[in-house]
Amino acid sequence: MIVPSPDRLRTRLRVSRGALAHSVSAAAWRGALEVRRADPTTAVALRVGLAVLIVLVAGGLSGQTEVAGFAALGALASAFLRYEPYPRLARRLAGVAGLIVASTAFGAMLGVTGAGIWVQVVAVSAAAALVYWLVQVAGITGPGPVVMIFAATGAAGYADTAVAAGHAVAAAAAGGLVGWLVAMAPMLTHPHSPSRIAVARALAAVAEVEQLGADAVPAARAAIDRARDALADTPSRRVDRHVLELLALVDAAEATLDGRRADTAALDDFARLEAELRRVRSDIGTPRVDAAAGLPAPRARETRRRTTDRRLWTSAARVGVASLVAGGLASACGLSHPLWAILGAVATLQGVNYSHTVQRGIQRLLGNAAGAVLAAAFLAVDPGYWPLAIAAVACQTGAELTVTRNYAAATTFVTGTALLLTAIGNPVGADVAAARVGDTLIGVVIGVALAALTVRADD
């Protein structure tokens, strides 16, 4: 057994104390309330809302209201990978939908076998670590593993027979199919939208170099690489003049970054073209020139390298431990939905570094409290299925509209959606909102505390 030296132990304690102090600092809380500039979100938000609306309407008309919430969770696959090129999106989004369905099946199995709450806490915590690792290894962007774990916890509470489990899994699969179709539909009318967004981001990153100096150069080069990668995934039958124009813009951005063309004129062009590229319409004023060469070859995915990344394994283990402690503590305290504490821990530890983790925790806490109040007021009048469905669609759309601007605002809507979907499948009272806040508080505190105890000195 390796025993850390006194000096290393003192350093570790000092770093952890500083990390915990940051979590209650005014700067951390101010950062949690900051509203950021975002890429286009309206079209994406409407598509996610449409996918949820379709499955909830289908559930209501078919009389399958008890499992409509699982279909809605499946439809949330459309919220992932929102700016991926469509050929890549088709494959990866199918995997996301499959992961939601598998999580639903896993939770349903726990329910059918009659597993006790402590067994469920252990099993779902292990699943949370695994799903987190899979999402990180695959580089899946979007809401994160919390959607999959919510599906698992919901199915564990719903499925008490094999028939009920089958209905829940089938509903999640149907919802996943609807989400996939809705997310892929724009390929028919705006096939170049993901590439346009990637190029706009590259132009914006290069323009920032003038303001931020050399520190912004690595981010600009990374944005240019991502733009080339997006263009490389253009289907062969879609390689038209506009694709070559986008590639020419990337070439111009890289030339400006390398100092091979006049900065001032280029940056003025970039500011105008960036705004145009972020619009849905296709009649933009890009330079009518061809790229010097054809499209770059698609880059090999980094999935295999990530599978051996020790930091990802460590982060996954941290998610599992935090989930276990949070779920166990919530259960020991006698809270009615202890698995929700696991959701709070998972959502908090989705941050890319400690500062982001703290920010996520604060935002999650504030958003849960606000969303719980809104949901409690709505549930207090016992509205019935159709008002619940409409409100859930509105909340989910609101979450997608705000998620890239401020996570606290988005979490307000996410909490509303979660509680409303819970009420659709299992009528509950307004008191469920208080349980949600209590469980989330435990999950957030445990997540932040564990992150502080394991934070790296250079984080």
Protein backbone atom coordinates (compact mmCIF):
# COMPACT_ATOMS: atom_id res chain seq x y z
CA MET A 1 0.00 0.00 0.00
CA ILE A 2 1.39 3.39 -1.03
CA VAL A 3 1.11 6.00 1.69
CA PRO A 4 1.34 9.63 0.48
CA SER A 5 4.10 11.70 2.05
CA PRO A 6 3.11 14.42 4.55
CA ASP A 7 4.09 17.12 2.04
CA ARG A 8 1.93 15.63 -0.70
CA LEU A 9 -0.95 15.20 1.71
CA ARG A 10 -0.70 18.83 2.83
CA THR A 11 -0.59 19.97 -0.81
CA ARG A 12 -3.65 17.88 -1.59
CA LEU A 13 -5.58 19.31 1.35
CA ARG A 14 -4.59 22.86 0.40
CA VAL A 15 -5.74 22.37 -3.20
CA SER A 16 -9.03 20.80 -2.07
CA ARG A 17 -9.69 23.60 0.42
CA GLY A 18 -9.11 26.16 -2.31
CA ALA A 19 -11.43 24.26 -4.63
CA LEU A 20 -14.20 24.13 -2.02
CA ALA A 21 -13.72 27.84 -1.30
CA HIS A 22 -14.20 28.55 -5.00
CA SER A 23 -17.57 26.75 -4.98
CA VAL A 24 -19.01 29.32 -2.54
CA SER A 25 -17.21 32.36 -3.94
CA ALA A 26 -19.08 35.32 -5.41
CA ALA A 27 -17.17 34.88 -8.69
CA ALA A 28 -18.44 31.33 -9.12
CA TRP A 29 -22.04 32.35 -8.53
CA ARG A 30 -21.72 35.36 -10.86
CA GLY A 31 -20.32 33.10 -13.55
CA ALA A 32 -23.26 30.75 -13.14
CA LEU A 33 -25.63 33.60 -14.02
CA GLU A 34 -23.72 34.78 -17.08
CA VAL A 35 -25.64 34.69 -20.35
CA ARG A 36 -23.41 33.70 -23.25
CA ARG A 37 -23.61 34.23 -26.97
CA ALA A 38 -24.84 31.09 -28.72
CA ASP A 39 -24.95 29.48 -32.11
CA PRO A 40 -28.34 29.24 -33.85
CA THR A 41 -30.70 27.38 -31.55
CA THR A 42 -34.22 28.22 -32.68
CA ALA A 43 -34.44 25.65 -35.47
CA VAL A 44 -32.87 22.94 -33.29
CA ALA A 45 -35.15 23.76 -30.36
CA LEU A 46 -38.23 23.61 -32.56
CA ARG A 47 -37.16 20.25 -33.96
CA VAL A 48 -36.65 18.76 -30.50
CA GLY A 49 -39.99 20.19 -29.39
CA LEU A 50 -41.63 18.75 -32.51
CA ALA A 51 -40.20 15.29 -31.84
CA VAL A 52 -41.51 15.34 -28.26
CA LEU A 53 -44.87 16.70 -29.44
CA ILE A 54 -45.27 13.92 -32.02
CA VAL A 55 -44.72 11.10 -29.54
CA LEU A 56 -46.87 12.65 -26.80
CA VAL A 57 -49.74 13.22 -29.24
CA ALA A 58 -49.35 9.66 -30.50
CA GLY A 59 -49.36 8.39 -26.92
CA GLY A 60 -52.49 10.33 -26.08
CA LEU A 61 -54.40 9.29 -29.21
CA SER A 62 -53.42 5.63 -28.85
CA GLY A 63 -54.32 5.51 -25.17
CA GLN A 64 -50.72 4.68 -24.17
CA THR A 65 -50.40 7.63 -21.83
CA GLU A 66 -48.59 5.66 -19.13
CA VAL A 67 -45.55 5.06 -21.34
CA ALA A 68 -45.71 8.30 -23.34
CA GLY A 69 -43.02 9.75 -21.08
CA PHE A 70 -40.58 7.03 -22.16
CA ALA A 71 -41.33 7.82 -25.79
CA ALA A 72 -40.57 11.47 -25.03
CA LEU A 73 -37.22 10.48 -23.50
CA GLY A 74 -36.43 8.49 -26.63
CA ALA A 75 -37.33 11.50 -28.76
CA LEU A 76 -34.74 13.54 -26.84
CA ALA A 77 -32.13 11.79 -28.96
CA SER A 78 -32.81 14.67 -31.36
CA ALA A 79 -31.20 17.05 -28.82
CA PHE A 80 -27.78 15.37 -29.13
CA LEU A 81 -25.04 16.09 -31.66
CA ARG A 82 -26.91 19.14 -32.91
CA TYR A 83 -24.16 20.44 -35.25
CA GLU A 84 -22.79 17.18 -36.63
CA PRO A 85 -22.62 16.77 -40.44
CA TYR A 86 -25.59 14.70 -41.52
CA PRO A 87 -23.74 11.57 -42.75
CA ARG A 88 -21.98 11.33 -39.40
CA LEU A 89 -25.14 12.33 -37.51
CA ALA A 90 -27.12 9.45 -39.02
CA ARG A 91 -24.77 6.87 -37.54
CA ARG A 92 -24.03 8.48 -34.22
CA LEU A 93 -27.57 9.58 -33.42
CA ALA A 94 -28.77 6.02 -33.94
CA GLY A 95 -26.25 5.02 -31.28
CA VAL A 96 -27.58 7.67 -28.89
CA ALA A 97 -31.15 6.46 -29.37
CA GLY A 98 -29.99 2.89 -28.80
CA LEU A 99 -28.28 3.92 -25.57
CA ILE A 100 -31.49 5.55 -24.31
CA VAL A 101 -33.44 2.38 -25.15
CA ALA A 102 -30.82 0.18 -23.46
CA SER A 103 -30.93 2.35 -20.33
CA THR A 104 -34.72 2.07 -20.28
CA ALA A 105 -34.45 -1.71 -20.58
CA PHE A 106 -31.88 -1.83 -17.77
CA GLY A 107 -34.11 0.17 -15.43
CA ALA A 108 -37.13 -1.89 -16.39
CA MET A 109 -35.22 -5.06 -15.52
CA LEU A 110 -34.54 -3.69 -12.05
CA GLY A 111 -38.23 -2.97 -11.62
CA VAL A 112 -39.41 -6.37 -12.86
CA THR A 113 -37.00 -8.27 -10.61
CA GLY A 114 -38.27 -6.35 -7.60
CA ALA A 115 -34.82 -5.07 -6.68
CA GLY A 116 -34.75 -3.14 -3.41
CA ILE A 117 -33.85 0.52 -3.33
CA TRP A 118 -30.27 -0.15 -2.20
CA VAL A 119 -29.74 -2.59 -5.04
CA GLN A 120 -31.18 -0.02 -7.43
CA VAL A 121 -28.86 2.67 -6.10
CA VAL A 122 -25.80 0.46 -6.63
CA ALA A 123 -26.93 -0.73 -10.07
CA VAL A 124 -27.91 2.71 -11.37
CA SER A 125 -24.68 4.23 -10.01
CA ALA A 126 -22.67 1.63 -11.92
CA ALA A 127 -24.77 2.34 -15.02
CA ALA A 128 -24.16 6.07 -14.60
CA ALA A 129 -20.39 5.52 -14.62
CA LEU A 130 -20.61 3.28 -17.68
CA VAL A 131 -22.89 5.58 -19.67
CA TYR A 132 -20.73 8.60 -18.78
CA TRP A 133 -17.66 6.75 -20.05
CA LEU A 134 -19.38 5.70 -23.28
CA VAL A 135 -20.60 9.23 -23.97
CA GLN A 136 -17.15 10.69 -23.37
CA VAL A 137 -15.32 8.06 -25.41
CA ALA A 138 -17.67 8.53 -28.35
CA GLY A 139 -17.46 12.34 -28.07
CA ILE A 140 -21.25 12.68 -27.91
CA THR A 141 -22.27 16.29 -27.34
CA GLY A 142 -25.63 17.41 -26.01
CA PRO A 143 -27.60 16.85 -22.80
CA GLY A 144 -25.19 14.14 -21.67
CA PRO A 145 -25.72 10.84 -19.82
CA VAL A 146 -28.33 12.37 -17.51
CA VAL A 147 -31.03 11.61 -20.13
CA MET A 148 -30.10 7.93 -20.17
CA ILE A 149 -29.99 7.70 -16.38
CA PHE A 150 -33.35 9.47 -16.10
CA ALA A 151 -34.78 6.83 -18.47
CA ALA A 152 -33.33 4.08 -16.29
CA THR A 153 -34.65 5.53 -13.04
CA GLY A 154 -38.08 6.13 -14.55
CA ALA A 155 -38.31 2.58 -15.89
CA ALA A 156 -37.19 1.13 -12.55
CA GLY A 157 -40.10 2.85 -10.84
CA TYR A 158 -42.65 2.02 -13.53
CA ALA A 159 -42.06 -1.55 -14.68
CA ASP A 160 -43.37 -4.12 -12.20
CA THR A 161 -44.19 -6.79 -14.80
CA ALA A 162 -42.55 -8.06 -17.97
CA VAL A 163 -45.44 -6.65 -20.01
CA ALA A 164 -44.98 -3.18 -18.52
CA ALA A 165 -41.24 -3.40 -19.16
CA GLY A 166 -41.86 -4.32 -22.79
CA HIS A 167 -44.21 -1.37 -23.22
CA ALA A 168 -41.69 1.06 -21.74
CA VAL A 169 -38.84 -0.21 -23.92
CA ALA A 170 -41.00 -0.22 -27.05
CA ALA A 171 -42.12 3.35 -26.34
CA ALA A 172 -38.51 4.50 -25.88
CA ALA A 173 -37.55 2.81 -29.16
CA ALA A 174 -40.44 4.43 -31.02
CA GLY A 175 -39.51 7.81 -29.55
CA GLY A 176 -35.88 7.30 -30.54
CA LEU A 177 -36.93 6.59 -34.13
CA VAL A 178 -39.06 9.74 -34.23
CA GLY A 179 -36.20 11.78 -32.77
CA TRP A 180 -33.80 10.40 -35.39
CA LEU A 181 -36.16 11.17 -38.27
CA VAL A 182 -36.87 14.71 -37.06
CA ALA A 183 -33.17 15.46 -36.52
CA MET A 184 -32.26 14.14 -39.99
CA ALA A 185 -35.12 15.84 -41.85
CA PRO A 186 -33.26 19.14 -42.55
CA MET A 187 -30.76 17.21 -44.66
CA LEU A 188 -33.36 17.24 -47.42
CA THR A 189 -33.62 21.04 -47.56
CA HIS A 190 -30.47 22.45 -45.89
CA PRO A 191 -27.78 19.77 -46.25
CA HIS A 192 -24.91 22.20 -45.63
CA SER A 193 -26.17 23.76 -42.38
CA PRO A 194 -23.71 21.93 -40.06
CA SER A 195 -20.78 22.86 -42.32
CA ARG A 196 -21.91 26.49 -42.42
CA ILE A 197 -22.03 26.64 -38.62
CA ALA A 198 -18.57 25.07 -38.37
CA VAL A 199 -17.16 27.61 -40.84
CA ALA A 200 -18.89 30.48 -38.99
CA ARG A 201 -17.27 29.31 -35.76
CA ALA A 202 -13.87 29.23 -37.48
CA LEU A 203 -14.30 32.78 -38.79
CA ALA A 204 -15.37 33.99 -35.33
CA ALA A 205 -12.39 32.27 -33.69
CA VAL A 206 -9.94 33.88 -36.11
CA ALA A 207 -11.56 37.29 -35.59
CA GLU A 208 -11.08 36.90 -31.82
CA VAL A 209 -7.32 36.65 -32.28
CA GLU A 210 -7.20 40.40 -32.96
CA GLN A 211 -8.80 41.10 -29.56
CA LEU A 212 -7.27 38.34 -27.43
CA GLY A 213 -3.88 38.01 -29.08
CA ALA A 214 -1.73 34.89 -29.21
CA ASP A 215 -3.72 33.15 -26.48
CA ALA A 216 -6.63 32.76 -28.92
CA VAL A 217 -4.54 31.18 -31.71
CA PRO A 218 -4.80 27.51 -30.55
CA ALA A 219 -8.60 27.78 -30.31
CA ALA A 220 -8.74 29.37 -33.77
CA ARG A 221 -6.65 26.59 -35.29
CA ALA A 222 -8.84 23.98 -33.60
CA ALA A 223 -11.97 25.67 -35.00
CA ILE A 224 -10.45 25.65 -38.49
CA ASP A 225 -9.66 21.93 -38.14
CA ARG A 226 -13.24 21.23 -37.06
CA ALA A 227 -14.58 23.21 -40.03
CA ARG A 228 -12.45 21.18 -42.43
CA ASP A 229 -13.60 18.00 -40.71
CA ALA A 230 -17.26 18.99 -41.13
CA LEU A 231 -16.74 19.78 -44.81
CA ALA A 232 -14.94 16.48 -45.31
CA ASP A 233 -18.12 14.66 -44.25
CA THR A 234 -20.18 16.21 -47.05
CA PRO A 235 -21.82 13.39 -49.08
CA SER A 236 -20.26 13.10 -52.55
CA ARG A 237 -23.51 13.92 -54.32
CA ARG A 238 -23.78 17.14 -52.28
CA VAL A 239 -20.34 18.56 -53.14
CA ASP A 240 -21.49 21.62 -55.07
CA ARG A 241 -20.17 25.13 -55.58
CA HIS A 242 -21.35 26.26 -52.16
CA VAL A 243 -19.26 23.58 -50.43
CA LEU A 244 -16.19 24.74 -52.33
CA GLU A 245 -16.98 28.33 -51.34
CA LEU A 246 -17.13 27.30 -47.70
CA LEU A 247 -13.78 25.58 -48.09
CA ALA A 248 -12.39 28.77 -49.66
CA LEU A 249 -13.54 30.71 -46.60
CA VAL A 250 -11.71 28.26 -44.33
CA ASP A 251 -8.59 28.67 -46.48
CA ALA A 252 -8.91 32.46 -46.16
CA ALA A 253 -9.32 32.20 -42.38
CA GLU A 254 -6.21 30.05 -42.10
CA ALA A 255 -4.25 32.42 -44.37
CA THR A 256 -5.25 35.34 -42.14
CA LEU A 257 -4.21 33.42 -39.04
CA ASP A 258 -0.83 32.69 -40.65
CA GLY A 259 -0.41 36.36 -41.63
CA ARG A 260 -0.58 35.65 -45.36
CA ARG A 261 -3.25 38.27 -46.11
CA ALA A 262 -4.30 41.72 -44.85
CA ASP A 263 -5.86 41.39 -41.42
CA THR A 264 -8.23 44.37 -41.28
CA ALA A 265 -10.05 43.68 -44.52
CA ALA A 266 -10.24 39.98 -43.79
CA LEU A 267 -11.65 40.47 -40.31
CA ASP A 268 -14.31 42.86 -41.62
CA ASP A 269 -15.32 40.23 -44.17
CA PHE A 270 -15.33 37.52 -41.52
CA ALA A 271 -17.68 39.47 -39.24
CA ARG A 272 -20.18 39.92 -42.07
CA LEU A 273 -19.90 36.39 -43.43
CA GLU A 274 -20.12 34.80 -39.99
CA ALA A 275 -23.51 36.43 -39.41
CA GLU A 276 -24.72 35.28 -42.83
CA LEU A 277 -23.54 31.72 -42.36
CA ARG A 278 -25.44 31.36 -39.11
CA ARG A 279 -28.74 32.00 -40.89
CA VAL A 280 -30.82 29.19 -42.32
CA ARG A 281 -31.35 30.79 -45.73
CA SER A 282 -29.02 29.79 -48.55
CA ASP A 283 -28.71 33.07 -50.50
CA ILE A 284 -25.65 34.39 -48.66
CA GLY A 285 -22.98 36.64 -50.10
CA THR A 286 -19.98 34.34 -49.88
CA PRO A 287 -17.06 35.05 -52.23
CA ARG A 288 -17.79 33.45 -55.60
CA VAL A 289 -14.47 31.65 -55.87
CA ASP A 290 -13.46 28.03 -55.98
CA ALA A 291 -11.16 26.42 -53.47
CA ALA A 292 -7.71 25.65 -54.73
CA ALA A 293 -8.10 21.98 -53.94
CA GLY A 294 -10.86 19.51 -53.33
CA LEU A 295 -12.34 18.49 -50.01
CA PRO A 296 -9.98 17.16 -47.35
CA ALA A 297 -10.11 13.50 -46.45
CA PRO A 298 -12.21 12.72 -43.36
CA ARG A 299 -10.12 12.43 -40.23
CA ALA A 300 -10.01 9.18 -38.34
CA ARG A 301 -12.15 9.26 -35.22
CA GLU A 302 -10.31 9.29 -31.89
CA THR A 303 -12.58 6.76 -30.19
CA ARG A 304 -9.92 4.07 -29.87
CA ARG A 305 -7.43 6.45 -28.27
CA ARG A 306 -10.05 7.67 -25.80
CA THR A 307 -10.78 4.16 -24.59
CA THR A 308 -7.34 4.06 -22.97
CA ASP A 309 -7.43 7.62 -21.62
CA ARG A 310 -6.83 7.31 -17.88
CA ARG A 311 -8.50 10.64 -17.20
CA LEU A 312 -11.77 9.39 -18.70
CA TRP A 313 -11.60 6.24 -16.60
CA THR A 314 -10.94 8.36 -13.51
CA SER A 315 -13.82 10.71 -14.34
CA ALA A 316 -16.16 7.77 -14.89
CA ALA A 317 -15.14 6.25 -11.56
CA ARG A 318 -15.77 9.61 -9.89
CA VAL A 319 -19.27 9.74 -11.41
CA GLY A 320 -19.97 6.24 -10.13
CA VAL A 321 -18.76 6.97 -6.60
CA ALA A 322 -20.60 10.29 -6.40
CA SER A 323 -23.79 8.64 -7.67
CA LEU A 324 -23.48 5.86 -5.12
CA VAL A 325 -22.89 8.23 -2.21
CA ALA A 326 -25.64 10.63 -3.30
CA GLY A 327 -28.19 7.89 -3.92
CA GLY A 328 -27.28 6.10 -0.70
CA LEU A 329 -27.51 9.28 1.36
CA ALA A 330 -30.87 10.21 -0.16
CA SER A 331 -32.16 6.72 0.58
CA ALA A 332 -30.83 6.80 4.14
CA CYS A 333 -32.57 10.14 4.68
CA GLY A 334 -35.86 8.57 3.64
CA LEU A 335 -36.38 10.75 0.56
CA SER A 336 -39.10 9.47 -1.73
CA HIS A 337 -37.04 9.51 -4.96
CA PRO A 338 -33.43 8.75 -3.97
CA LEU A 339 -32.45 7.85 -7.54
CA TRP A 340 -33.00 11.49 -8.46
CA ALA A 341 -30.01 12.35 -6.28
CA ILE A 342 -27.94 10.29 -8.72
CA LEU A 343 -29.20 12.51 -11.53
CA GLY A 344 -27.98 15.58 -9.65
CA ALA A 345 -24.52 14.09 -9.17
CA VAL A 346 -24.23 12.98 -12.80
CA ALA A 347 -25.38 16.34 -14.17
CA THR A 348 -22.92 18.19 -11.93
CA LEU A 349 -19.93 16.05 -12.88
CA GLN A 350 -20.52 16.48 -16.61
CA GLY A 351 -18.37 19.63 -16.38
CA VAL A 352 -15.15 19.64 -18.41
CA ASN A 353 -13.06 20.89 -15.46
CA TYR A 354 -13.53 21.76 -11.81
CA SER A 355 -14.61 25.35 -12.42
CA HIS A 356 -17.18 24.14 -14.94
CA THR A 357 -18.32 21.45 -12.50
CA VAL A 358 -18.94 24.06 -9.80
CA GLN A 359 -20.76 26.27 -12.27
CA ARG A 360 -22.91 23.35 -13.39
CA GLY A 361 -23.70 22.49 -9.79
CA ILE A 362 -24.80 26.03 -8.95
CA GLN A 363 -26.84 26.31 -12.12
CA ARG A 364 -28.40 22.90 -11.55
CA LEU A 365 -29.43 23.89 -8.03
CA LEU A 366 -30.90 27.26 -9.03
CA GLY A 367 -32.64 25.84 -12.08
CA ASN A 368 -34.11 22.91 -10.16
CA ALA A 369 -35.57 25.20 -7.52
CA ALA A 370 -37.13 27.51 -10.10
CA GLY A 371 -38.38 24.64 -12.28
CA ALA A 372 -39.83 22.82 -9.28
CA VAL A 373 -41.82 25.90 -8.27
CA LEU A 374 -43.24 26.25 -11.78
CA ALA A 375 -44.08 22.55 -12.03
CA ALA A 376 -45.64 22.47 -8.55
CA ALA A 377 -47.94 25.36 -9.44
CA PHE A 378 -49.02 23.53 -12.59
CA LEU A 379 -49.45 20.12 -10.96
CA ALA A 380 -51.45 21.58 -8.08
CA VAL A 381 -54.48 22.02 -10.36
CA ASP A 382 -54.37 18.38 -11.59
CA PRO A 383 -54.45 19.42 -15.26
CA GLY A 384 -54.83 16.05 -17.01
CA TYR A 385 -52.87 14.47 -19.87
CA TRP A 386 -53.20 16.98 -22.71
CA PRO A 387 -52.30 20.10 -20.72
CA LEU A 388 -49.38 18.17 -19.22
CA ALA A 389 -48.22 17.14 -22.69
CA ILE A 390 -48.42 20.68 -24.06
CA ALA A 391 -46.58 22.08 -21.05
CA ALA A 392 -43.86 19.41 -21.35
CA VAL A 393 -43.32 20.27 -25.03
CA ALA A 394 -43.12 23.97 -24.19
CA CYS A 395 -40.61 23.32 -21.39
CA GLN A 396 -38.42 21.11 -23.55
CA THR A 397 -38.40 23.68 -26.32
CA GLY A 398 -37.48 26.37 -23.80
CA ALA A 399 -34.63 24.19 -22.53
CA GLU A 400 -33.20 23.83 -26.02
CA LEU A 401 -33.51 27.57 -26.67
CA THR A 402 -31.52 28.46 -23.56
CA VAL A 403 -29.10 25.56 -23.01
CA THR A 404 -26.17 27.12 -24.90
CA ARG A 405 -26.76 30.52 -23.33
CA ASN A 406 -27.22 29.75 -19.64
CA TYR A 407 -27.51 26.30 -18.08
CA ALA A 408 -29.44 27.59 -15.04
CA ALA A 409 -32.22 28.87 -17.31
CA ALA A 410 -32.16 25.65 -19.29
CA THR A 411 -32.31 23.55 -16.12
CA THR A 412 -35.40 25.46 -15.04
CA PHE A 413 -37.16 24.13 -18.13
CA VAL A 414 -35.49 20.70 -17.90
CA THR A 415 -36.78 20.26 -14.35
CA GLY A 416 -40.24 21.28 -15.47
CA THR A 417 -40.09 18.77 -18.31
CA ALA A 418 -38.87 15.99 -16.02
CA LEU A 419 -41.59 16.54 -13.42
CA LEU A 420 -44.30 16.86 -16.04
CA LEU A 421 -43.22 13.66 -17.80
CA THR A 422 -43.15 11.93 -14.42
CA ALA A 423 -46.70 13.11 -13.79
CA ILE A 424 -47.82 11.87 -17.23
CA GLY A 425 -46.81 8.28 -16.50
CA ASN A 426 -47.67 8.29 -12.79
CA PRO A 427 -50.04 10.95 -11.41
CA VAL A 428 -48.29 12.81 -8.60
CA GLY A 429 -48.99 15.82 -6.44
CA ALA A 430 -47.17 19.11 -6.14
CA ASP A 431 -45.07 17.66 -3.30
CA VAL A 432 -42.96 15.82 -5.88
CA ALA A 433 -41.35 19.17 -6.70
CA ALA A 434 -39.96 19.51 -3.18
CA ALA A 435 -38.58 15.96 -3.40
CA ARG A 436 -36.84 16.87 -6.63
CA VAL A 437 -35.11 19.86 -5.05
CA GLY A 438 -34.03 17.86 -2.01
CA ASP A 439 -32.60 15.01 -4.05
CA THR A 440 -30.85 17.41 -6.43
CA LEU A 441 -29.30 19.31 -3.51
CA ILE A 442 -27.77 16.10 -2.21
CA GLY A 443 -26.49 15.12 -5.66
CA VAL A 444 -24.97 18.54 -6.35
CA VAL A 445 -23.27 18.83 -2.96
CA ILE A 446 -21.81 15.33 -3.20
CA GLY A 447 -20.69 15.90 -6.78
CA VAL A 448 -18.94 19.19 -6.04
CA ALA A 449 -17.37 17.85 -2.82
CA LEU A 450 -15.97 14.77 -4.55
CA ALA A 451 -14.71 16.88 -7.45
CA ALA A 452 -12.92 19.15 -4.95
CA LEU A 453 -11.32 16.20 -3.19
CA THR A 454 -10.01 14.76 -6.46
CA VAL A 455 -9.23 18.00 -8.33
CA ARG A 456 -5.85 18.19 -10.03
CA ALA A 457 -3.47 20.90 -8.89
CA ASP A 458 -3.32 22.32 -12.44
CA ASP A 459 -7.11 22.43 -12.89
